Amino acid sequence: MTTKPEPSLNQIYQWWWMHDGRWYQEVAKRFGFDAANEINREALKFVASRVARGYAKSLGRPVQEMELAEAVSAFTMCSKLMWPPEMIEFKVDLTGPGSFELNVVRNFALQMLQRAGTLADYKCPCLAMREGWFEGLGLKPVEHEVKQCLREGGSACTFVTRLEGFGPKAEAKPSAEQEK
């Protein structure tokens, strides 16, 4: 009797992301890239929200009650739950009261789209996905924008975000005595 090797988690991720990529290409072929991009954006936001909500429940307290660094760590964990490090590489920096910058320097999806010859028609669902993460974590961005994009020739996909409730006023919470 021979023992068959079990697939690694990374292999499972790769097969499901291959399915996702093939699905996108088939929708684009049959219904056009506008439809494929719209459906991809909606589906990714839905999945992102579910991933974030599930992760938030495991934390033991609401993310919006955490310090900024903890909230940002929860936000970036959502990415790690969706992709192994072999598929995406990013770094995040806290940039001020309530704000952070995220730089994606490698994204396997863009590499696969380039190989498929459809990168020019692809519209990144990045902001919608991140909206799903914010929603699932219970965070409210006051500002969330793309500064540069790998797909458009940038050196990274750079997202700048400022969160509600994490600025100077949020840090100066009144004590029980002051509230009386």
Protein backbone atom coordinates (compact mmCIF):
# COMPACT_ATOMS: atom_id res chain seq x y z
CA MET A 1 0.00 0.00 0.00
CA THR A 2 1.43 3.36 -1.02
CA THR A 3 0.69 6.60 0.73
CA LYS A 4 -0.53 9.39 -1.52
CA PRO A 5 0.78 12.85 -0.64
CA GLU A 6 -1.76 15.34 0.62
CA PRO A 7 -1.94 18.64 -1.25
CA SER A 8 -0.39 21.59 0.51
CA LEU A 9 -2.49 24.59 1.41
CA ASN A 10 -0.50 26.56 -1.16
CA GLN A 11 -1.43 24.04 -3.88
CA ILE A 12 -5.09 24.32 -2.94
CA TYR A 13 -4.87 28.13 -3.10
CA GLN A 14 -3.26 27.90 -6.53
CA TRP A 15 -5.91 25.56 -7.92
CA TRP A 16 -8.74 27.80 -6.69
CA TRP A 17 -7.09 30.92 -8.02
CA MET A 18 -6.54 29.12 -11.33
CA HIS A 19 -10.29 28.40 -11.34
CA ASP A 20 -10.99 32.06 -10.64
CA GLY A 21 -8.68 33.18 -13.45
CA ARG A 22 -10.20 30.76 -15.93
CA TRP A 23 -13.70 31.82 -14.88
CA TYR A 24 -12.80 35.48 -15.51
CA GLN A 25 -11.41 34.64 -18.98
CA GLU A 26 -14.53 32.65 -19.93
CA VAL A 27 -16.92 35.41 -18.80
CA ALA A 28 -14.85 37.93 -20.77
CA LYS A 29 -14.90 35.73 -23.87
CA ARG A 30 -18.67 35.14 -23.75
CA PHE A 31 -19.99 38.45 -22.38
CA GLY A 32 -17.15 40.95 -22.76
CA PHE A 33 -14.58 42.45 -20.43
CA ASP A 34 -16.97 45.02 -18.98
CA ALA A 35 -19.17 42.21 -17.64
CA ALA A 36 -16.18 40.15 -16.46
CA ASN A 37 -14.69 43.12 -14.61
CA GLU A 38 -18.00 44.08 -12.99
CA ILE A 39 -18.80 40.53 -11.85
CA ASN A 40 -15.22 40.01 -10.64
CA ARG A 41 -15.36 43.24 -8.61
CA GLU A 42 -18.70 42.32 -7.00
CA ALA A 43 -17.65 38.74 -6.24
CA LEU A 44 -14.31 39.77 -4.77
CA LYS A 45 -15.92 42.39 -2.53
CA PHE A 46 -18.39 39.76 -1.27
CA VAL A 47 -15.64 37.23 -0.52
CA ALA A 48 -13.41 39.89 1.06
CA SER A 49 -16.22 40.98 3.38
CA ARG A 50 -16.85 37.38 4.45
CA VAL A 51 -13.14 36.73 5.07
CA ALA A 52 -12.84 39.91 7.14
CA ARG A 53 -16.03 39.25 9.12
CA GLY A 54 -14.87 35.72 9.98
CA TYR A 55 -11.46 36.98 11.03
CA ALA A 56 -12.94 39.84 13.08
CA LYS A 57 -15.06 37.38 15.06
CA SER A 58 -11.91 35.50 16.07
CA LEU A 59 -10.25 38.60 17.56
CA GLY A 60 -12.28 38.79 20.75
CA ARG A 61 -13.04 42.51 20.54
CA PRO A 62 -14.19 44.94 17.85
CA VAL A 63 -11.44 46.06 15.49
CA GLN A 64 -12.59 49.70 15.73
CA GLU A 65 -11.74 49.61 19.47
CA MET A 66 -8.12 48.58 18.81
CA GLU A 67 -5.09 50.79 18.45
CA LEU A 68 -4.33 51.80 14.85
CA ALA A 69 -1.43 49.35 14.48
CA GLU A 70 -3.66 46.45 15.61
CA ALA A 71 -6.48 47.49 13.27
CA VAL A 72 -4.08 47.75 10.32
CA SER A 73 -2.63 44.36 11.24
CA ALA A 74 -6.16 42.89 11.15
CA PHE A 75 -6.70 44.55 7.77
CA THR A 76 -3.51 43.06 6.29
CA MET A 77 -4.32 39.65 7.77
CA CYS A 78 -7.31 39.54 5.43
CA SER A 79 -4.91 39.53 2.49
CA LYS A 80 -2.84 36.77 4.09
CA LEU A 81 -5.99 34.70 4.57
CA MET A 82 -6.82 35.00 0.88
CA TRP A 83 -3.36 34.50 -0.66
CA PRO A 84 -0.17 32.77 0.44
CA PRO A 85 3.03 34.84 0.38
CA GLU A 86 4.13 33.10 -2.83
CA MET A 87 1.29 34.83 -4.67
CA ILE A 88 1.45 38.39 -3.37
CA GLU A 89 3.99 40.61 -1.67
CA PHE A 90 3.19 43.84 0.14
CA LYS A 91 4.33 46.12 2.90
CA VAL A 92 2.36 48.50 5.06
CA ASP A 93 3.42 51.65 6.91
CA LEU A 94 1.56 53.73 9.49
CA THR A 95 1.78 57.28 8.14
CA GLY A 96 0.04 59.43 10.71
CA PRO A 97 -2.91 59.63 13.06
CA GLY A 98 -5.48 57.21 11.69
CA SER A 99 -3.69 56.67 8.40
CA PHE A 100 -1.58 54.06 6.67
CA GLU A 101 -0.07 53.29 3.28
CA LEU A 102 -0.10 49.84 1.70
CA ASN A 103 2.27 48.98 -1.15
CA VAL A 104 1.71 45.81 -3.17
CA VAL A 105 4.98 45.15 -4.99
CA ARG A 106 4.06 41.78 -6.53
CA ASN A 107 0.67 40.36 -7.44
CA PHE A 108 0.35 36.96 -9.13
CA ALA A 109 -3.02 37.92 -10.70
CA LEU A 110 -1.38 40.59 -12.83
CA GLN A 111 1.33 38.15 -13.90
CA MET A 112 -1.30 35.59 -14.94
CA LEU A 113 -3.35 38.19 -16.83
CA GLN A 114 -0.19 39.28 -18.66
CA ARG A 115 0.47 35.66 -19.66
CA ALA A 116 -3.13 35.28 -20.85
CA GLY A 117 -2.77 38.45 -22.95
CA THR A 118 -5.71 40.20 -21.27
CA LEU A 119 -4.02 42.55 -18.81
CA ALA A 120 -4.93 45.64 -20.87
CA ASP A 121 -8.66 44.84 -20.53
CA TYR A 122 -8.55 44.01 -16.82
CA LYS A 123 -9.91 46.57 -14.38
CA CYS A 124 -8.46 46.06 -10.92
CA PRO A 125 -11.06 45.24 -8.25
CA CYS A 126 -8.61 46.30 -5.54
CA LEU A 127 -10.66 49.14 -4.05
CA ALA A 128 -13.83 47.01 -3.99
CA MET A 129 -11.94 44.16 -2.30
CA ARG A 130 -10.55 46.51 0.32
CA GLU A 131 -14.04 47.98 0.84
CA GLY A 132 -15.12 44.43 1.65
CA TRP A 133 -12.31 44.07 4.19
CA PHE A 134 -13.19 47.41 5.82
CA GLU A 135 -16.87 46.45 5.93
CA GLY A 136 -16.18 42.99 7.38
CA LEU A 137 -13.83 44.39 10.02
CA GLY A 138 -16.21 47.21 10.95
CA LEU A 139 -13.78 49.94 9.87
CA LYS A 140 -14.81 53.13 8.11
CA PRO A 141 -12.31 54.73 5.74
CA VAL A 142 -12.54 58.51 5.52
CA GLU A 143 -10.03 58.45 2.69
CA HIS A 144 -9.02 55.46 0.58
CA GLU A 145 -7.40 55.98 -2.77
CA VAL A 146 -4.93 54.48 -5.21
CA LYS A 147 -1.79 56.57 -5.66
CA GLN A 148 -0.16 54.28 -8.23
CA CYS A 149 -0.89 50.90 -9.83
CA LEU A 150 1.33 48.05 -11.05
CA ARG A 151 -1.11 47.36 -13.90
CA GLU A 152 -0.67 50.92 -15.11
CA GLY A 153 3.13 50.84 -14.89
CA GLY A 154 3.65 51.93 -11.28
CA SER A 155 6.45 50.47 -9.17
CA ALA A 156 3.77 49.23 -6.74
CA CYS A 157 0.05 49.38 -6.13
CA THR A 158 0.01 52.09 -3.49
CA PHE A 159 -3.11 52.62 -1.40
CA VAL A 160 -3.40 55.51 1.05
CA THR A 161 -6.05 55.15 3.74
CA ARG A 162 -7.27 57.23 6.66
CA LEU A 163 -9.69 55.57 9.05
CA GLU A 164 -12.52 57.16 11.00
CA GLY A 165 -12.10 57.00 14.78
CA PHE A 166 -8.31 56.61 14.82
CA GLY A 167 -7.19 60.25 14.62
CA PRO A 168 -6.11 62.64 17.40
CA LYS A 169 -9.65 62.98 18.82
CA ALA A 170 -10.02 59.20 19.03
CA GLU A 171 -6.75 58.91 20.95
CA ALA A 172 -7.85 61.47 23.55
CA LYS A 173 -10.71 59.41 24.94
CA PRO A 174 -12.35 60.93 28.04
CA SER A 175 -11.86 59.17 31.32
CA ALA A 176 -14.86 57.99 33.38
CA GLU A 177 -14.43 61.07 35.63
CA GLN A 178 -14.46 63.47 32.64
CA GLU A 179 -17.66 61.89 31.28
CA LYS A 180 -19.57 62.74 34.54
